[in-house]
Amino acid sequence: MVRFENVGMRYGMGPEVLHDLSFSLKPGDFRYLLGPSGAGKSSLMRLLYLAHRPSRGLVTMFDTDISTASRKTLASLRRRIGVVFQEFRLLNHLSALDNVALPLRVAGAREDQVREHVAELLAWVGLAEHLHVRPATLSGGQKQRVAIARAVITRPQLLLADEPTGNLDQALGLRLMHLFEELNKIGTTVVIATHNENLVASRPHPALRLTAGELGATVTLPATG
């Protein structure tokens, strides 16, 4: 599904922020992306959700060379990717229900199916009483849950999440991790960037570690407790 070969990335004419990254993701993989602040995690996520092209090397996603793909092709590929951004990126003029429904409506789903599936998912993440509330009146944790629901509503082939449990208590964070794992079981490839060591220790999966823009070997962290 995803293959990086000797990939480097820079912004404009600045220095490289990622150096010689080589790894691959198969359908159904689950990976944590770990590393200290400034290691390059956000830049790698930008490459994965096709917001930026590599400066050098080869990135292949869904059997497509990203460096040479047209804008139309990239737009088509993005519809196969669900993204949970750290800053949420909700549309403030839309309700929680309409924010989550947007990917389904863009895909042309029937309106009765849209409302049924969206309401069910928002109830599952604890927002049944907030379907028609706009983001400005929601707490940070509630916005996070809306953003997660929007990212997973279409059952994407690739799910990318940047600190998805950062604004949530431990119980809800584990519940949402269960949702990611259930999606993973039905074939979604999942990549989660996180600083939450307790989360990583309690739900062990292989991890990609970035240090100063370079990728170490993939490791599987042992469970604790």
N, C-alpha and C. Protein backbone atom coordinates (compact mmCIF):
# COMPACT_ATOMS: atom_id res chain seq x y z
N MET A 1 0.82 -1.21 0.00
CA MET A 1 0.00 0.00 0.00
C MET A 1 0.86 1.26 0.00
N VAL A 2 1.91 1.28 0.81
CA VAL A 2 2.81 2.44 0.92
C VAL A 2 4.24 1.94 0.86
N ARG A 3 5.05 2.62 0.03
CA ARG A 3 6.47 2.27 -0.02
C ARG A 3 7.30 3.55 -0.14
N PHE A 4 8.25 3.72 0.76
CA PHE A 4 9.22 4.81 0.72
C PHE A 4 10.59 4.22 0.44
N GLU A 5 11.30 4.81 -0.52
CA GLU A 5 12.65 4.36 -0.85
C GLU A 5 13.59 5.56 -0.89
N ASN A 6 14.47 5.64 0.11
CA ASN A 6 15.49 6.70 0.18
C ASN A 6 14.87 8.10 0.03
N VAL A 7 13.81 8.34 0.77
CA VAL A 7 13.05 9.57 0.63
C VAL A 7 13.65 10.70 1.47
N GLY A 8 13.80 11.85 0.84
CA GLY A 8 14.17 13.07 1.55
C GLY A 8 13.10 14.12 1.33
N MET A 9 12.97 15.05 2.28
CA MET A 9 11.95 16.10 2.17
C MET A 9 12.49 17.40 2.76
N ARG A 10 12.23 18.48 2.03
CA ARG A 10 12.56 19.82 2.52
C ARG A 10 11.40 20.76 2.18
N TYR A 11 11.33 21.86 2.89
CA TYR A 11 10.33 22.89 2.60
C TYR A 11 11.02 24.01 1.84
N GLY A 12 10.58 24.23 0.59
CA GLY A 12 11.19 25.27 -0.22
C GLY A 12 12.67 25.00 -0.44
N MET A 13 13.48 26.02 -0.19
CA MET A 13 14.93 25.89 -0.36
C MET A 13 15.62 25.62 0.97
N GLY A 14 14.86 25.30 2.01
CA GLY A 14 15.44 25.06 3.32
C GLY A 14 16.17 23.72 3.40
N PRO A 15 16.75 23.43 4.56
CA PRO A 15 17.46 22.16 4.74
C PRO A 15 16.49 20.99 4.77
N GLU A 16 16.99 19.81 4.51
CA GLU A 16 16.15 18.61 4.60
C GLU A 16 15.68 18.40 6.02
N VAL A 17 14.41 18.05 6.16
CA VAL A 17 13.86 17.72 7.47
C VAL A 17 13.66 16.21 7.61
N LEU A 18 13.65 15.49 6.50
CA LEU A 18 13.62 14.03 6.50
C LEU A 18 14.73 13.53 5.59
N HIS A 19 15.42 12.47 6.03
CA HIS A 19 16.60 12.00 5.29
C HIS A 19 16.52 10.49 5.04
N ASP A 20 16.58 10.10 3.79
CA ASP A 20 16.77 8.70 3.40
C ASP A 20 15.83 7.73 4.12
N LEU A 21 14.54 8.05 4.12
CA LEU A 21 13.56 7.17 4.76
C LEU A 21 13.20 6.02 3.82
N SER A 22 13.27 4.80 4.33
CA SER A 22 12.87 3.61 3.57
C SER A 22 12.05 2.70 4.48
N PHE A 23 10.80 2.47 4.10
CA PHE A 23 9.93 1.55 4.83
C PHE A 23 8.74 1.24 3.95
N SER A 24 7.94 0.27 4.34
CA SER A 24 6.72 -0.04 3.59
C SER A 24 5.61 -0.39 4.56
N LEU A 25 4.38 -0.19 4.10
CA LEU A 25 3.18 -0.55 4.86
C LEU A 25 2.32 -1.42 3.97
N LYS A 26 1.90 -2.54 4.52
CA LYS A 26 1.02 -3.46 3.79
C LYS A 26 -0.43 -3.24 4.23
N PRO A 27 -1.40 -3.65 3.41
CA PRO A 27 -2.80 -3.58 3.85
C PRO A 27 -2.98 -4.33 5.17
N GLY A 28 -3.58 -3.66 6.15
CA GLY A 28 -3.80 -4.29 7.45
C GLY A 28 -2.70 -4.07 8.46
N ASP A 29 -1.65 -3.32 8.10
CA ASP A 29 -0.61 -2.99 9.08
C ASP A 29 -1.13 -1.98 10.10
N PHE A 30 -0.54 -2.01 11.30
CA PHE A 30 -0.83 -1.03 12.35
C PHE A 30 0.52 -0.57 12.89
N ARG A 31 0.80 0.72 12.76
CA ARG A 31 2.10 1.24 13.19
C ARG A 31 1.92 2.50 14.04
N TYR A 32 2.68 2.56 15.14
CA TYR A 32 2.87 3.82 15.83
C TYR A 32 4.01 4.56 15.15
N LEU A 33 3.95 5.89 15.16
CA LEU A 33 5.04 6.74 14.72
C LEU A 33 5.51 7.53 15.93
N LEU A 34 6.72 7.24 16.38
CA LEU A 34 7.25 7.79 17.62
C LEU A 34 8.48 8.65 17.35
N GLY A 35 8.78 9.52 18.28
CA GLY A 35 9.96 10.36 18.18
C GLY A 35 9.77 11.64 18.96
N PRO A 36 10.87 12.27 19.38
CA PRO A 36 10.77 13.52 20.15
C PRO A 36 10.25 14.65 19.29
N SER A 37 9.86 15.75 19.94
CA SER A 37 9.42 16.94 19.22
C SER A 37 10.52 17.42 18.29
N GLY A 38 10.17 17.71 17.05
CA GLY A 38 11.17 18.15 16.08
C GLY A 38 11.83 17.02 15.31
N ALA A 39 11.42 15.78 15.57
CA ALA A 39 12.05 14.64 14.90
C ALA A 39 11.62 14.51 13.45
N GLY A 40 10.47 15.11 13.08
CA GLY A 40 10.00 15.01 11.70
C GLY A 40 8.71 14.24 11.54
N LYS A 41 8.03 13.92 12.66
CA LYS A 41 6.79 13.13 12.57
C LYS A 41 5.73 13.84 11.73
N SER A 42 5.53 15.14 11.98
CA SER A 42 4.50 15.86 11.24
C SER A 42 4.84 15.93 9.75
N SER A 43 6.10 16.07 9.43
CA SER A 43 6.51 16.11 8.02
C SER A 43 6.26 14.77 7.35
N LEU A 44 6.56 13.69 8.04
CA LEU A 44 6.29 12.37 7.47
C LEU A 44 4.79 12.16 7.28
N MET A 45 3.99 12.62 8.23
CA MET A 45 2.54 12.50 8.08
C MET A 45 2.06 13.31 6.88
N ARG A 46 2.67 14.47 6.63
CA ARG A 46 2.28 15.27 5.46
C ARG A 46 2.55 14.52 4.16
N LEU A 47 3.65 13.80 4.11
CA LEU A 47 3.91 12.97 2.93
C LEU A 47 2.87 11.87 2.80
N LEU A 48 2.49 11.27 3.92
CA LEU A 48 1.55 10.14 3.88
C LEU A 48 0.14 10.58 3.49
N TYR A 49 -0.28 11.79 3.89
CA TYR A 49 -1.62 12.20 3.48
C TYR A 49 -1.58 13.11 2.24
N LEU A 50 -0.44 13.08 1.55
CA LEU A 50 -0.31 13.67 0.22
C LEU A 50 -0.49 15.18 0.21
N ALA A 51 -0.09 15.83 1.31
CA ALA A 51 -0.08 17.29 1.36
C ALA A 51 1.23 17.85 0.83
N HIS A 52 2.22 17.00 0.63
CA HIS A 52 3.54 17.43 0.20
C HIS A 52 4.17 16.29 -0.60
N ARG A 53 4.93 16.64 -1.62
CA ARG A 53 5.65 15.63 -2.39
C ARG A 53 7.08 15.51 -1.87
N PRO A 54 7.70 14.35 -2.02
CA PRO A 54 9.09 14.20 -1.57
C PRO A 54 10.03 15.08 -2.39
N SER A 55 11.11 15.52 -1.76
CA SER A 55 12.13 16.28 -2.49
C SER A 55 13.03 15.36 -3.29
N ARG A 56 13.18 14.13 -2.82
CA ARG A 56 13.95 13.12 -3.55
C ARG A 56 13.51 11.75 -3.08
N GLY A 57 13.92 10.74 -3.81
CA GLY A 57 13.53 9.38 -3.48
C GLY A 57 12.17 9.04 -4.07
N LEU A 58 11.70 7.84 -3.76
CA LEU A 58 10.46 7.33 -4.34
C LEU A 58 9.42 7.10 -3.25
N VAL A 59 8.24 7.69 -3.43
CA VAL A 59 7.07 7.39 -2.59
C VAL A 59 6.01 6.79 -3.50
N THR A 60 5.63 5.56 -3.22
CA THR A 60 4.57 4.89 -3.96
C THR A 60 3.42 4.61 -3.01
N MET A 61 2.21 5.06 -3.38
CA MET A 61 1.02 4.81 -2.58
C MET A 61 -0.08 4.29 -3.49
N PHE A 62 -0.68 3.19 -3.10
CA PHE A 62 -1.72 2.57 -3.91
C PHE A 62 -1.23 2.35 -5.35
N ASP A 63 0.03 1.88 -5.45
CA ASP A 63 0.65 1.58 -6.75
C ASP A 63 0.82 2.82 -7.64
N THR A 64 0.91 3.99 -7.04
CA THR A 64 1.06 5.23 -7.79
C THR A 64 2.30 5.98 -7.32
N ASP A 65 3.15 6.41 -8.27
CA ASP A 65 4.33 7.22 -7.95
C ASP A 65 3.85 8.64 -7.63
N ILE A 66 4.02 9.05 -6.39
CA ILE A 66 3.48 10.34 -5.95
C ILE A 66 4.20 11.51 -6.61
N SER A 67 5.49 11.36 -6.92
CA SER A 67 6.26 12.47 -7.50
C SER A 67 5.73 12.89 -8.86
N THR A 68 5.21 11.94 -9.63
CA THR A 68 4.77 12.24 -10.99
C THR A 68 3.25 12.26 -11.15
N ALA A 69 2.52 11.99 -10.08
CA ALA A 69 1.05 11.92 -10.16
C ALA A 69 0.46 13.31 -10.41
N SER A 70 -0.60 13.36 -11.19
CA SER A 70 -1.31 14.62 -11.45
C SER A 70 -2.10 15.04 -10.22
N ARG A 71 -2.53 16.30 -10.19
CA ARG A 71 -3.35 16.78 -9.08
C ARG A 71 -4.66 16.01 -9.00
N LYS A 72 -5.22 15.67 -10.15
CA LYS A 72 -6.47 14.91 -10.17
C LYS A 72 -6.27 13.53 -9.56
N THR A 73 -5.14 12.90 -9.89
CA THR A 73 -4.85 11.58 -9.32
C THR A 73 -4.65 11.67 -7.82
N LEU A 74 -3.91 12.69 -7.36
CA LEU A 74 -3.69 12.86 -5.92
C LEU A 74 -5.02 13.07 -5.20
N ALA A 75 -5.92 13.86 -5.78
CA ALA A 75 -7.23 14.08 -5.15
C ALA A 75 -8.00 12.78 -5.03
N SER A 76 -7.90 11.94 -6.05
CA SER A 76 -8.58 10.63 -6.01
C SER A 76 -7.98 9.74 -4.93
N LEU A 77 -6.65 9.77 -4.78
CA LEU A 77 -6.00 8.95 -3.76
C LEU A 77 -6.35 9.43 -2.35
N ARG A 78 -6.48 10.74 -2.18
CA ARG A 78 -6.80 11.28 -0.84
C ARG A 78 -8.15 10.78 -0.34
N ARG A 79 -9.06 10.48 -1.25
CA ARG A 79 -10.37 9.98 -0.83
C ARG A 79 -10.28 8.58 -0.25
N ARG A 80 -9.14 7.92 -0.37
CA ARG A 80 -8.93 6.60 0.20
C ARG A 80 -8.22 6.68 1.55
N ILE A 81 -7.96 7.91 2.00
CA ILE A 81 -7.19 8.15 3.23
C ILE A 81 -8.04 8.93 4.22
N GLY A 82 -8.09 8.46 5.47
CA GLY A 82 -8.72 9.20 6.55
C GLY A 82 -7.65 9.83 7.42
N VAL A 83 -7.83 11.10 7.80
CA VAL A 83 -6.81 11.81 8.57
C VAL A 83 -7.43 12.47 9.80
N VAL A 84 -6.80 12.23 10.95
CA VAL A 84 -7.15 12.94 12.19
C VAL A 84 -6.03 13.93 12.46
N PHE A 85 -6.31 15.22 12.22
CA PHE A 85 -5.30 16.26 12.42
C PHE A 85 -5.24 16.67 13.88
N GLN A 86 -4.06 17.05 14.34
CA GLN A 86 -3.90 17.47 15.73
C GLN A 86 -4.71 18.74 16.02
N GLU A 87 -4.87 19.60 15.00
CA GLU A 87 -5.62 20.84 15.19
C GLU A 87 -7.08 20.70 14.75
N PHE A 88 -7.54 19.48 14.54
CA PHE A 88 -8.93 19.10 14.26
C PHE A 88 -9.42 19.46 12.85
N ARG A 89 -9.27 20.73 12.43
CA ARG A 89 -9.69 21.20 11.11
C ARG A 89 -11.18 20.96 10.84
N LEU A 90 -11.99 21.20 11.84
CA LEU A 90 -13.45 21.11 11.65
C LEU A 90 -13.95 22.39 10.98
N LEU A 91 -15.08 22.28 10.28
CA LEU A 91 -15.70 23.44 9.65
C LEU A 91 -16.66 24.08 10.65
N ASN A 92 -16.34 25.29 11.07
CA ASN A 92 -17.05 25.92 12.17
C ASN A 92 -18.50 26.26 11.86
N HIS A 93 -18.86 26.39 10.57
CA HIS A 93 -20.23 26.75 10.23
C HIS A 93 -21.14 25.53 10.11
N LEU A 94 -20.55 24.32 10.30
CA LEU A 94 -21.32 23.08 10.22
C LEU A 94 -21.47 22.45 11.59
N SER A 95 -22.57 21.73 11.81
CA SER A 95 -22.77 20.99 13.06
C SER A 95 -21.83 19.81 13.12
N ALA A 96 -21.77 19.18 14.29
CA ALA A 96 -20.95 17.97 14.43
C ALA A 96 -21.40 16.91 13.42
N LEU A 97 -22.71 16.73 13.30
CA LEU A 97 -23.24 15.74 12.36
C LEU A 97 -22.81 16.07 10.94
N ASP A 98 -22.91 17.33 10.53
CA ASP A 98 -22.58 17.70 9.15
C ASP A 98 -21.08 17.64 8.89
N ASN A 99 -20.25 17.91 9.90
CA ASN A 99 -18.81 17.74 9.74
C ASN A 99 -18.46 16.28 9.45
N VAL A 100 -19.04 15.38 10.23
CA VAL A 100 -18.74 13.96 10.07
C VAL A 100 -19.34 13.42 8.77
N ALA A 101 -20.49 13.97 8.39
CA ALA A 101 -21.18 13.50 7.19
C ALA A 101 -20.50 13.92 5.90
N LEU A 102 -19.65 14.94 5.95
CA LEU A 102 -19.10 15.53 4.73
C LEU A 102 -18.42 14.51 3.81
N PRO A 103 -17.54 13.63 4.31
CA PRO A 103 -16.92 12.66 3.39
C PRO A 103 -17.92 11.74 2.72
N LEU A 104 -18.97 11.34 3.43
CA LEU A 104 -19.99 10.48 2.83
C LEU A 104 -20.77 11.23 1.74
N ARG A 105 -21.09 12.48 1.99
CA ARG A 105 -21.83 13.26 1.00
C ARG A 105 -20.98 13.51 -0.24
N VAL A 106 -19.70 13.79 -0.04
CA VAL A 106 -18.80 13.97 -1.18
C VAL A 106 -18.75 12.69 -2.02
N ALA A 107 -18.81 11.54 -1.34
CA ALA A 107 -18.78 10.25 -2.04
C ALA A 107 -20.11 9.87 -2.68
N GLY A 108 -21.17 10.67 -2.41
CA GLY A 108 -22.45 10.44 -3.05
C GLY A 108 -23.37 9.47 -2.32
N ALA A 109 -23.16 9.26 -1.02
CA ALA A 109 -24.01 8.35 -0.26
C ALA A 109 -25.43 8.92 -0.13
N ARG A 110 -26.41 8.03 0.01
CA ARG A 110 -27.80 8.46 0.19
C ARG A 110 -27.96 9.16 1.54
N GLU A 111 -28.80 10.20 1.58
CA GLU A 111 -28.92 11.02 2.77
C GLU A 111 -29.46 10.24 3.96
N ASP A 112 -30.37 9.29 3.74
CA ASP A 112 -30.88 8.51 4.88
C ASP A 112 -29.78 7.64 5.48
N GLN A 113 -28.91 7.10 4.63
CA GLN A 113 -27.79 6.30 5.12
C GLN A 113 -26.77 7.18 5.84
N VAL A 114 -26.54 8.37 5.29
CA VAL A 114 -25.60 9.31 5.91
C VAL A 114 -26.02 9.61 7.34
N ARG A 115 -27.25 10.02 7.53
CA ARG A 115 -27.70 10.42 8.86
C ARG A 115 -27.72 9.26 9.83
N GLU A 116 -28.09 8.08 9.35
CA GLU A 116 -28.11 6.91 10.23
C GLU A 116 -26.70 6.54 10.70
N HIS A 117 -25.76 6.45 9.75
CA HIS A 117 -24.41 6.02 10.11
C HIS A 117 -23.68 7.07 10.95
N VAL A 118 -23.87 8.34 10.60
CA VAL A 118 -23.19 9.40 11.35
C VAL A 118 -23.71 9.48 12.78
N ALA A 119 -25.03 9.44 12.95
CA ALA A 119 -25.61 9.50 14.29
C ALA A 119 -25.14 8.32 15.14
N GLU A 120 -25.06 7.13 14.52
CA GLU A 120 -24.62 5.94 15.25
C GLU A 120 -23.17 6.08 15.70
N LEU A 121 -22.31 6.58 14.83
CA LEU A 121 -20.90 6.72 15.18
C LEU A 121 -20.69 7.80 16.23
N LEU A 122 -21.38 8.92 16.10
CA LEU A 122 -21.24 9.98 17.10
C LEU A 122 -21.76 9.52 18.46
N ALA A 123 -22.80 8.71 18.48
CA ALA A 123 -23.28 8.14 19.74
C ALA A 123 -22.22 7.23 20.35
N TRP A 124 -21.56 6.46 19.50
CA TRP A 124 -20.55 5.52 19.99
C TRP A 124 -19.38 6.24 20.65
N VAL A 125 -19.04 7.44 20.13
CA VAL A 125 -17.94 8.20 20.73
C VAL A 125 -18.43 9.16 21.81
N GLY A 126 -19.67 8.99 22.24
CA GLY A 126 -20.18 9.75 23.38
C GLY A 126 -20.73 11.13 23.05
N LEU A 127 -21.14 11.35 21.80
CA LEU A 127 -21.63 12.67 21.40
C LEU A 127 -23.06 12.63 20.90
N ALA A 128 -23.86 11.69 21.39
CA ALA A 128 -25.25 11.56 20.94
C ALA A 128 -26.06 12.82 21.22
N GLU A 129 -25.70 13.56 22.26
CA GLU A 129 -26.45 14.77 22.62
C GLU A 129 -25.90 16.02 21.93
N HIS A 130 -24.93 15.84 21.03
CA HIS A 130 -24.27 17.00 20.43
C HIS A 130 -24.31 16.96 18.90
N LEU A 131 -25.27 16.23 18.34
CA LEU A 131 -25.30 16.06 16.89
C LEU A 131 -25.41 17.40 16.15
N HIS A 132 -26.18 18.32 16.69
CA HIS A 132 -26.48 19.55 15.97
C HIS A 132 -25.76 20.77 16.56
N VAL A 133 -24.71 20.47 17.34
CA VAL A 133 -23.91 21.54 17.96
C VAL A 133 -22.73 21.87 17.04
N ARG A 134 -22.41 23.15 16.94
CA ARG A 134 -21.28 23.57 16.12
C ARG A 134 -19.98 23.52 16.93
N PRO A 135 -18.84 23.38 16.25
CA PRO A 135 -17.57 23.19 16.95
C PRO A 135 -17.22 24.26 17.97
N ALA A 136 -17.63 25.50 17.74
CA ALA A 136 -17.24 26.59 18.64
C ALA A 136 -17.71 26.36 20.07
N THR A 137 -18.78 25.58 20.26
CA THR A 137 -19.32 25.36 21.60
C THR A 137 -18.86 24.03 22.19
N LEU A 138 -18.02 23.30 21.47
CA LEU A 138 -17.52 22.01 21.96
C LEU A 138 -16.19 22.17 22.68
N SER A 139 -15.92 21.28 23.63
CA SER A 139 -14.62 21.26 24.30
C SER A 139 -13.57 20.67 23.37
N GLY A 140 -12.31 20.79 23.77
CA GLY A 140 -11.24 20.22 22.95
C GLY A 140 -11.39 18.72 22.76
N GLY A 141 -11.76 18.01 23.82
CA GLY A 141 -11.95 16.57 23.71
C GLY A 141 -13.12 16.19 22.82
N GLN A 142 -14.18 16.99 22.88
CA GLN A 142 -15.34 16.73 22.01
C GLN A 142 -14.99 16.99 20.55
N LYS A 143 -14.26 18.07 20.28
CA LYS A 143 -13.81 18.34 18.92
C LYS A 143 -12.94 17.19 18.40
N GLN A 144 -12.09 16.68 19.28
CA GLN A 144 -11.22 15.56 18.89
C GLN A 144 -12.05 14.36 18.45
N ARG A 145 -13.12 14.09 19.20
CA ARG A 145 -13.96 12.93 18.86
C ARG A 145 -14.72 13.14 17.55
N VAL A 146 -15.15 14.37 17.29
CA VAL A 146 -15.79 14.67 16.01
C VAL A 146 -14.79 14.46 14.86
N ALA A 147 -13.56 14.93 15.06
CA ALA A 147 -12.54 14.78 14.03
C ALA A 147 -12.23 13.32 13.75
N ILE A 148 -12.19 12.50 14.81
CA ILE A 148 -11.93 11.08 14.64
C ILE A 148 -13.09 10.42 13.91
N ALA A 149 -14.32 10.76 14.30
CA ALA A 149 -15.49 10.19 13.63
C ALA A 149 -15.49 10.54 12.15
N ARG A 150 -15.15 11.77 11.81
CA ARG A 150 -15.10 12.18 10.40
C ARG A 150 -14.04 11.38 9.64
N ALA A 151 -12.91 11.09 10.28
CA ALA A 151 -11.83 10.38 9.61
C ALA A 151 -12.16 8.92 9.33
N VAL A 152 -12.99 8.31 10.19
CA VAL A 152 -13.23 6.86 10.05
C VAL A 152 -14.58 6.53 9.43
N ILE A 153 -15.44 7.53 9.20
CA ILE A 153 -16.81 7.26 8.77
C ILE A 153 -16.86 6.51 7.43
N THR A 154 -15.90 6.73 6.56
CA THR A 154 -15.90 6.06 5.25
C THR A 154 -15.12 4.75 5.24
N ARG A 155 -14.64 4.32 6.42
CA ARG A 155 -13.78 3.13 6.48
C ARG A 155 -12.64 3.23 5.47
N PRO A 156 -11.75 4.19 5.66
CA PRO A 156 -10.69 4.43 4.68
C PRO A 156 -9.72 3.24 4.59
N GLN A 157 -9.02 3.15 3.48
CA GLN A 157 -8.01 2.10 3.34
C GLN A 157 -6.77 2.41 4.18
N LEU A 158 -6.48 3.70 4.35
CA LEU A 158 -5.35 4.15 5.16
C LEU A 158 -5.85 5.20 6.13
N LEU A 159 -5.61 5.00 7.43
CA LEU A 159 -6.00 5.94 8.47
C LEU A 159 -4.75 6.50 9.13
N LEU A 160 -4.62 7.83 9.12
CA LEU A 160 -3.49 8.53 9.72
C LEU A 160 -4.01 9.39 10.86
N ALA A 161 -3.43 9.26 12.03
CA ALA A 161 -3.91 9.99 13.20
C ALA A 161 -2.73 10.64 13.93
N ASP A 162 -2.80 11.96 14.10
CA ASP A 162 -1.75 12.72 14.77
C ASP A 162 -2.21 13.04 16.18
N GLU A 163 -1.64 12.36 17.18
CA GLU A 163 -2.01 12.53 18.59
C GLU A 163 -3.53 12.42 18.79
N PRO A 164 -4.15 11.32 18.37
CA PRO A 164 -5.62 11.23 18.41
C PRO A 164 -6.22 11.18 19.80
N THR A 165 -5.43 10.85 20.81
CA THR A 165 -5.98 10.78 22.17
C THR A 165 -5.46 11.91 23.06
N GLY A 166 -4.85 12.92 22.45
CA GLY A 166 -4.18 13.97 23.22
C GLY A 166 -5.09 14.78 24.12
N ASN A 167 -6.37 14.93 23.77
CA ASN A 167 -7.30 15.74 24.57
C ASN A 167 -8.33 14.90 25.31
N LEU A 168 -8.07 13.60 25.42
CA LEU A 168 -9.07 12.69 25.97
C LEU A 168 -8.57 12.05 27.26
N ASP A 169 -9.52 11.69 28.15
CA ASP A 169 -9.11 10.96 29.35
C ASP A 169 -8.73 9.53 28.96
N GLN A 170 -8.12 8.82 29.89
CA GLN A 170 -7.57 7.51 29.58
C GLN A 170 -8.64 6.53 29.10
N ALA A 171 -9.80 6.52 29.75
CA ALA A 171 -10.84 5.56 29.40
C ALA A 171 -11.34 5.78 27.97
N LEU A 172 -11.59 7.06 27.63
CA LEU A 172 -12.08 7.35 26.28
C LEU A 172 -10.98 7.13 25.25
N GLY A 173 -9.74 7.45 25.62
CA GLY A 173 -8.63 7.21 24.71
C GLY A 173 -8.50 5.73 24.35
N LEU A 174 -8.65 4.87 25.34
CA LEU A 174 -8.58 3.43 25.09
C LEU A 174 -9.77 2.96 24.25
N ARG A 175 -10.93 3.56 24.46
CA ARG A 175 -12.11 3.19 23.67
C ARG A 175 -11.89 3.53 22.19
N LEU A 176 -11.32 4.70 21.95
CA LEU A 176 -11.07 5.09 20.57
C LEU A 176 -9.95 4.26 19.94
N MET A 177 -8.98 3.86 20.74
CA MET A 177 -7.96 2.94 20.23
C MET A 177 -8.61 1.63 19.82
N HIS A 178 -9.60 1.18 20.59
CA HIS A 178 -10.33 -0.04 20.23
C HIS A 178 -11.01 0.15 18.87
N LEU A 179 -11.56 1.34 18.62
CA LEU A 179 -12.17 1.62 17.32
C LEU A 179 -11.13 1.52 16.20
N PHE A 180 -9.96 2.10 16.40
CA PHE A 180 -8.90 2.01 15.40
C PHE A 180 -8.51 0.56 15.15
N GLU A 181 -8.42 -0.21 16.22
CA GLU A 181 -8.02 -1.61 16.08
C GLU A 181 -9.09 -2.44 15.37
N GLU A 182 -10.36 -2.11 15.61
CA GLU A 182 -11.42 -2.82 14.91
C GLU A 182 -11.41 -2.49 13.41
N LEU A 183 -11.16 -1.23 13.08
CA LEU A 183 -11.00 -0.87 11.67
C LEU A 183 -9.82 -1.61 11.06
N ASN A 184 -8.75 -1.70 11.83
CA ASN A 184 -7.56 -2.41 11.36
C ASN A 184 -7.86 -3.88 11.07
N LYS A 185 -8.70 -4.49 11.90
CA LYS A 185 -9.03 -5.91 11.72
C LYS A 185 -9.78 -6.18 10.42
N ILE A 186 -10.52 -5.17 9.92
CA ILE A 186 -11.25 -5.37 8.68
C ILE A 186 -10.46 -4.84 7.47
N GLY A 187 -9.18 -4.53 7.70
CA GLY A 187 -8.30 -4.25 6.56
C GLY A 187 -7.71 -2.86 6.47
N THR A 188 -8.15 -1.91 7.30
CA THR A 188 -7.60 -0.56 7.24
C THR A 188 -6.18 -0.54 7.79
N THR A 189 -5.27 0.05 7.03
CA THR A 189 -3.91 0.27 7.51
C THR A 189 -3.91 1.52 8.39
N VAL A 190 -3.32 1.43 9.58
CA VAL A 190 -3.39 2.50 10.57
C VAL A 190 -1.98 2.97 10.94
N VAL A 191 -1.79 4.29 10.95
CA VAL A 191 -0.55 4.91 11.44
C VAL A 191 -0.93 5.97 12.46
N ILE A 192 -0.42 5.84 13.67
CA ILE A 192 -0.75 6.78 14.75
C ILE A 192 0.54 7.42 15.26
N ALA A 193 0.64 8.75 15.10
CA ALA A 193 1.75 9.50 15.68
C ALA A 193 1.35 9.91 17.09
N THR A 194 2.19 9.61 18.07
CA THR A 194 1.81 9.88 19.45
C THR A 194 3.03 10.06 20.34
N HIS A 195 2.84 10.85 21.42
CA HIS A 195 3.82 10.95 22.49
C HIS A 195 3.36 10.17 23.72
N ASN A 196 2.19 9.56 23.65
CA ASN A 196 1.57 8.93 24.81
C ASN A 196 2.20 7.55 25.06
N GLU A 197 3.20 7.53 25.91
CA GLU A 197 3.91 6.27 26.17
C GLU A 197 3.02 5.25 26.87
N ASN A 198 2.10 5.72 27.73
CA ASN A 198 1.19 4.79 28.40
C ASN A 198 0.28 4.09 27.40
N LEU A 199 -0.19 4.86 26.43
CA LEU A 199 -1.03 4.28 25.38
C LEU A 199 -0.26 3.23 24.59
N VAL A 200 0.94 3.57 24.20
CA VAL A 200 1.76 2.65 23.40
C VAL A 200 2.07 1.39 24.18
N ALA A 201 2.33 1.54 25.48
CA ALA A 201 2.66 0.38 26.30
C ALA A 201 1.46 -0.52 26.54
N SER A 202 0.26 0.10 26.63
CA SER A 202 -0.93 -0.69 26.95
C SER A 202 -1.54 -1.35 25.71
N ARG A 203 -1.28 -0.79 24.52
CA ARG A 203 -1.80 -1.35 23.26
C ARG A 203 -0.62 -1.54 22.31
N PRO A 204 0.21 -2.56 22.54
CA PRO A 204 1.45 -2.70 21.77
C PRO A 204 1.22 -3.04 20.30
N HIS A 205 1.91 -2.30 19.43
CA HIS A 205 1.96 -2.56 18.00
C HIS A 205 3.36 -2.17 17.52
N PRO A 206 3.79 -2.63 16.36
CA PRO A 206 5.09 -2.20 15.85
C PRO A 206 5.17 -0.68 15.74
N ALA A 207 6.37 -0.15 15.96
CA ALA A 207 6.55 1.29 15.97
C ALA A 207 7.68 1.70 15.04
N LEU A 208 7.44 2.79 14.30
CA LEU A 208 8.48 3.46 13.53
C LEU A 208 9.00 4.60 14.38
N ARG A 209 10.32 4.68 14.56
CA ARG A 209 10.90 5.72 15.41
C ARG A 209 11.72 6.69 14.56
N LEU A 210 11.38 7.97 14.67
CA LEU A 210 12.12 9.02 13.98
C LEU A 210 13.03 9.75 14.97
N THR A 211 14.24 10.01 14.54
CA THR A 211 15.18 10.81 15.33
C THR A 211 15.90 11.74 14.37
N ALA A 212 15.72 13.05 14.56
CA ALA A 212 16.36 14.06 13.72
C ALA A 212 16.17 13.77 12.24
N GLY A 213 14.94 13.40 11.87
CA GLY A 213 14.60 13.20 10.47
C GLY A 213 15.03 11.88 9.89
N GLU A 214 15.57 10.99 10.71
CA GLU A 214 16.01 9.69 10.24
C GLU A 214 15.22 8.59 10.94
N LEU A 215 15.01 7.50 10.22
CA LEU A 215 14.16 6.43 10.71
C LEU A 215 15.01 5.29 11.20
N GLY A 216 14.72 4.84 12.46
CA GLY A 216 15.38 3.67 13.00
C GLY A 216 14.66 2.40 12.58
N ALA A 217 15.10 1.28 13.09
CA ALA A 217 14.46 0.00 12.78
C ALA A 217 13.08 -0.06 13.40
N THR A 218 12.17 -0.76 12.74
CA THR A 218 10.82 -0.99 13.29
C THR A 218 10.93 -1.91 14.48
N VAL A 219 10.28 -1.52 15.59
CA VAL A 219 10.32 -2.34 16.80
C VAL A 219 8.90 -2.60 17.27
N THR A 220 8.70 -3.70 17.97
CA THR A 220 7.42 -3.98 18.62
C THR A 220 7.61 -3.82 20.11
N LEU A 221 6.83 -2.93 20.71
CA LEU A 221 6.99 -2.63 22.14
C LEU A 221 6.22 -3.64 22.97
N PRO A 222 6.80 -4.10 24.09
CA PRO A 222 6.11 -5.07 24.94
C PRO A 222 4.98 -4.42 25.71
N ALA A 223 3.94 -5.20 25.99
CA ALA A 223 2.84 -4.70 26.81
C ALA A 223 3.29 -4.60 28.25
N THR A 224 2.65 -3.68 29.00
CA THR A 224 2.95 -3.54 30.41
C THR A 224 1.67 -3.70 31.21
N GLY A 225 1.82 -4.01 32.47
CA GLY A 225 0.66 -4.10 33.36
C GLY A 225 -0.06 -5.41 33.22
